[in-house]
Amino acid sequence: MNPGINLYPNPNNGEFVLKIGTQMNNMELLIENNLGQIVHTQTVSQGENKIRTKNLAQGIYHYLVLENKQVIGQGKMKIE
């Protein structure tokens, strides 16, 4: 996994920043609910990416950062 990927604040209110420290190609953010269903997708790039997911309910979500469909970073986040 890539240590240059940071998501903050965590917990958040559905708006957060995904910071990616290294340049990569074809990057995408996927957010899954606790059933494994993809509830948000967004193209991301190097630097700070502002993510807005106001339609998601409060709870814990799993996020994946992909490069060319390969997982390069992942973690959990909480929406309050």
Protein backbone atom coordinates (compact mmCIF):
# COMPACT_ATOMS: atom_id res chain seq x y z
CA MET A 1 0.00 0.00 0.00
CA ASN A 2 1.06 3.55 -0.63
CA PRO A 3 1.91 5.56 2.50
CA GLY A 4 1.50 8.82 0.54
CA ILE A 5 -2.32 8.63 0.72
CA ASN A 6 -4.06 10.52 3.51
CA LEU A 7 -7.77 11.08 4.22
CA TYR A 8 -8.83 13.80 6.65
CA PRO A 9 -10.68 14.81 8.72
CA ASN A 10 -11.79 11.43 9.97
CA PRO A 11 -14.49 11.31 11.25
CA ASN A 12 -16.12 13.83 8.92
CA ASN A 13 -19.55 15.13 7.88
CA GLY A 14 -19.42 13.80 4.31
CA GLU A 15 -16.90 16.40 3.12
CA PHE A 16 -13.23 15.53 3.40
CA VAL A 17 -9.86 15.79 1.68
CA LEU A 18 -8.02 12.89 0.07
CA LYS A 19 -4.37 13.88 -0.23
CA ILE A 20 -2.17 11.88 -2.60
CA GLY A 21 1.55 12.52 -2.34
CA THR A 22 2.85 10.76 -5.44
CA GLN A 23 2.03 11.15 -9.13
CA MET A 24 0.17 8.19 -10.60
CA ASN A 25 -2.11 7.58 -13.55
CA ASN A 26 -5.80 6.72 -13.81
CA MET A 27 -6.52 7.07 -10.08
CA GLU A 28 -9.98 6.59 -8.66
CA LEU A 29 -11.57 6.71 -5.20
CA LEU A 30 -14.20 4.10 -4.31
CA ILE A 31 -16.27 4.25 -1.13
CA GLU A 32 -18.07 1.11 0.02
CA ASN A 33 -20.71 0.67 2.70
CA ASN A 34 -20.52 -2.15 5.24
CA LEU A 35 -22.31 -4.48 2.81
CA GLY A 36 -19.52 -4.04 0.26
CA GLN A 37 -21.70 -1.97 -2.09
CA ILE A 38 -19.97 0.89 -3.89
CA VAL A 39 -21.77 4.07 -2.83
CA HIS A 40 -19.42 6.72 -4.29
CA THR A 41 -16.79 6.83 -7.03
CA GLN A 42 -14.66 9.76 -8.07
CA THR A 43 -11.59 10.35 -10.21
CA VAL A 44 -8.70 11.70 -8.12
CA SER A 45 -5.21 13.01 -8.82
CA GLN A 46 -1.98 13.97 -7.07
CA GLY A 47 -2.40 16.67 -4.41
CA GLU A 48 -5.50 17.53 -2.41
CA ASN A 49 -8.82 16.22 -3.71
CA LYS A 50 -11.93 17.68 -2.10
CA ILE A 51 -14.55 14.96 -1.77
CA ARG A 52 -18.23 15.70 -1.08
CA THR A 53 -20.53 12.81 -0.23
CA LYS A 54 -23.49 14.63 1.33
CA ASN A 55 -25.86 11.84 0.24
CA LEU A 56 -24.24 9.18 2.46
CA ALA A 57 -25.83 8.21 5.78
CA GLN A 58 -23.92 8.37 9.03
CA GLY A 59 -21.78 5.31 9.58
CA ILE A 60 -18.47 3.64 8.88
CA TYR A 61 -17.29 3.25 5.28
CA HIS A 62 -14.36 1.53 3.62
CA TYR A 63 -12.44 3.50 1.01
CA LEU A 64 -10.14 2.25 -1.73
CA VAL A 65 -7.77 4.27 -3.90
CA LEU A 66 -7.09 2.58 -7.24
CA GLU A 67 -4.48 3.15 -9.91
CA ASN A 68 -5.31 1.41 -13.20
CA LYS A 69 -7.92 -0.67 -11.30
CA GLN A 70 -5.29 -1.92 -8.78
CA VAL A 71 -5.67 -1.03 -5.08
CA ILE A 72 -2.86 1.27 -3.95
CA GLY A 73 -4.41 2.48 -0.70
CA GLN A 74 -7.37 1.75 1.55
CA GLY A 75 -8.81 2.45 4.94
CA LYS A 76 -11.93 3.19 6.94
CA MET A 77 -13.68 6.47 7.55
CA LYS A 78 -16.60 7.56 9.67
CA ILE A 79 -19.33 9.95 8.61
CA GLU A 80 -21.08 11.60 11.54
